[in-house]
Amino acid sequence: MTEPIHKGKDLPPVWVIHSASNGDSEAMEQVIRYYANYMSRLCTRTLYDKDGTPHVCVDTHMKRCLEIRLIRAVMRT
């Protein structure tokens, strides 16, 4: 049986998520890496300088908050 694919990207195996929920830091890192691009897209903001020029950047504080929420969610399972 093959692993399921979500939008062209292999989902993390169940054993990785299970290991992460049991406190394995390497497994948790794999889960965070899987969702890193998605969280970056959610945290992308357009900021304007004093001349009105737009700059697209990632709000690192918001991304860190999402990572913490992901860790908490995985640890609850």
C-alpha atoms as a PDB file:
ATOM      1  CA  MET A   1       0.000   0.000   0.000  1.00  0.00           C
ATOM      2  CA  THR A   2       1.375   3.410  -0.931  1.00  0.00           C
ATOM      3  CA  GLU A   3       1.504   6.476   1.283  1.00  0.00           C
ATOM      4  CA  PRO A   4      -1.204   9.079   0.558  1.00  0.00           C
ATOM      5  CA  ILE A   5      -0.195  12.222  -1.339  1.00  0.00           C
ATOM      6  CA  HIS A   6      -1.554  15.681  -0.536  1.00  0.00           C
ATOM      7  CA  LYS A   7      -1.238  18.251  -3.340  1.00  0.00           C
ATOM      8  CA  GLY A   8       1.732  16.456  -4.865  1.00  0.00           C
ATOM      9  CA  LYS A   9       3.587  16.135  -1.564  1.00  0.00           C
ATOM     10  CA  ASP A  10       3.854  12.894   0.424  1.00  0.00           C
ATOM     11  CA  LEU A  11       2.204  13.127   3.825  1.00  0.00           C
ATOM     12  CA  PRO A  12       4.401  12.282   6.801  1.00  0.00           C
ATOM     13  CA  PRO A  13       4.052   8.621   7.733  1.00  0.00           C
ATOM     14  CA  VAL A  14       1.840   7.825  10.703  1.00  0.00           C
ATOM     15  CA  TRP A  15       4.811   6.503  12.667  1.00  0.00           C
ATOM     16  CA  VAL A  16       6.526   9.912  12.378  1.00  0.00           C
ATOM     17  CA  ILE A  17       3.500  11.703  13.819  1.00  0.00           C
ATOM     18  CA  HIS A  18       3.172   9.045  16.526  1.00  0.00           C
ATOM     19  CA  SER A  19       6.868   9.421  17.421  1.00  0.00           C
ATOM     20  CA  ALA A  20       6.500  13.206  17.487  1.00  0.00           C
ATOM     21  CA  SER A  21       3.534  12.947  19.847  1.00  0.00           C
ATOM     22  CA  ASN A  22       5.666  10.780  22.135  1.00  0.00           C
ATOM     23  CA  GLY A  23       8.358  13.464  22.340  1.00  0.00           C
ATOM     24  CA  ASP A  24      10.798  12.507  19.570  1.00  0.00           C
ATOM     25  CA  SER A  25      12.358  15.831  18.566  1.00  0.00           C
ATOM     26  CA  GLU A  26      13.592  14.611  15.163  1.00  0.00           C
ATOM     27  CA  ALA A  27      10.112  13.394  14.247  1.00  0.00           C
ATOM     28  CA  MET A  28       8.632  16.717  15.380  1.00  0.00           C
ATOM     29  CA  GLU A  29      11.148  18.507  13.177  1.00  0.00           C
ATOM     30  CA  GLN A  30       9.970  16.435  10.202  1.00  0.00           C
ATOM     31  CA  VAL A  31       6.353  17.411  10.898  1.00  0.00           C
ATOM     32  CA  ILE A  32       7.288  21.090  11.205  1.00  0.00           C
ATOM     33  CA  ARG A  33       9.311  20.917   7.967  1.00  0.00           C
ATOM     34  CA  TYR A  34       6.325  19.356   6.195  1.00  0.00           C
ATOM     35  CA  TYR A  35       4.114  22.322   7.107  1.00  0.00           C
ATOM     36  CA  ALA A  36       6.806  25.060   6.882  1.00  0.00           C
ATOM     37  CA  ASN A  37       5.931  26.276   3.369  1.00  0.00           C
ATOM     38  CA  TYR A  38       2.216  26.340   4.166  1.00  0.00           C
ATOM     39  CA  MET A  39       2.818  28.330   7.356  1.00  0.00           C
ATOM     40  CA  SER A  40       5.071  30.741   5.455  1.00  0.00           C
ATOM     41  CA  ARG A  41       2.305  31.353   2.929  1.00  0.00           C
ATOM     42  CA  LEU A  42      -0.177  31.997   5.720  1.00  0.00           C
ATOM     43  CA  CYS A  43       2.202  34.477   7.356  1.00  0.00           C
ATOM     44  CA  THR A  44       3.160  36.414   4.227  1.00  0.00           C
ATOM     45  CA  ARG A  45       2.414  40.119   4.578  1.00  0.00           C
ATOM     46  CA  THR A  46       2.831  43.136   2.333  1.00  0.00           C
ATOM     47  CA  LEU A  47       4.566  45.993   4.125  1.00  0.00           C
ATOM     48  CA  TYR A  48       5.064  49.487   2.744  1.00  0.00           C
ATOM     49  CA  ASP A  49       8.076  51.733   3.306  1.00  0.00           C
ATOM     50  CA  LYS A  50       7.830  55.518   3.707  1.00  0.00           C
ATOM     51  CA  ASP A  51       7.844  56.004  -0.064  1.00  0.00           C
ATOM     52  CA  GLY A  52       4.892  53.649  -0.456  1.00  0.00           C
ATOM     53  CA  THR A  53       6.906  50.856  -2.075  1.00  0.00           C
ATOM     54  CA  PRO A  54       5.414  47.466  -1.197  1.00  0.00           C
ATOM     55  CA  HIS A  55       7.612  44.705   0.231  1.00  0.00           C
ATOM     56  CA  VAL A  56       6.366  41.155   0.622  1.00  0.00           C
ATOM     57  CA  CYS A  57       7.824  39.352   3.628  1.00  0.00           C
ATOM     58  CA  VAL A  58       7.082  36.587   6.100  1.00  0.00           C
ATOM     59  CA  ASP A  59       5.928  37.662   9.560  1.00  0.00           C
ATOM     60  CA  THR A  60       8.353  35.547  11.594  1.00  0.00           C
ATOM     61  CA  HIS A  61       6.520  36.133  14.876  1.00  0.00           C
ATOM     62  CA  MET A  62       3.262  34.849  13.423  1.00  0.00           C
ATOM     63  CA  LYS A  63       5.037  31.866  11.852  1.00  0.00           C
ATOM     64  CA  ARG A  64       6.619  30.976  15.187  1.00  0.00           C
ATOM     65  CA  CYS A  65       3.176  31.162  16.840  1.00  0.00           C
ATOM     66  CA  LEU A  66       1.794  28.756  14.219  1.00  0.00           C
ATOM     67  CA  GLU A  67       4.706  26.375  14.788  1.00  0.00           C
ATOM     68  CA  ILE A  68       4.018  26.399  18.527  1.00  0.00           C
ATOM     69  CA  ARG A  69       0.341  25.671  17.923  1.00  0.00           C
ATOM     70  CA  LEU A  70       1.299  22.798  15.607  1.00  0.00           C
ATOM     71  CA  ILE A  71       3.614  21.343  18.266  1.00  0.00           C
ATOM     72  CA  ARG A  72       0.868  21.594  20.881  1.00  0.00           C
ATOM     73  CA  ALA A  73      -1.639  19.918  18.561  1.00  0.00           C
ATOM     74  CA  VAL A  74       0.721  17.044  17.808  1.00  0.00           C
ATOM     75  CA  MET A  75       1.553  16.583  21.489  1.00  0.00           C
ATOM     76  CA  ARG A  76      -2.161  16.362  22.374  1.00  0.00           C
ATOM     77  CA  THR A  77      -2.725  13.354  20.084  1.00  0.00           C
END
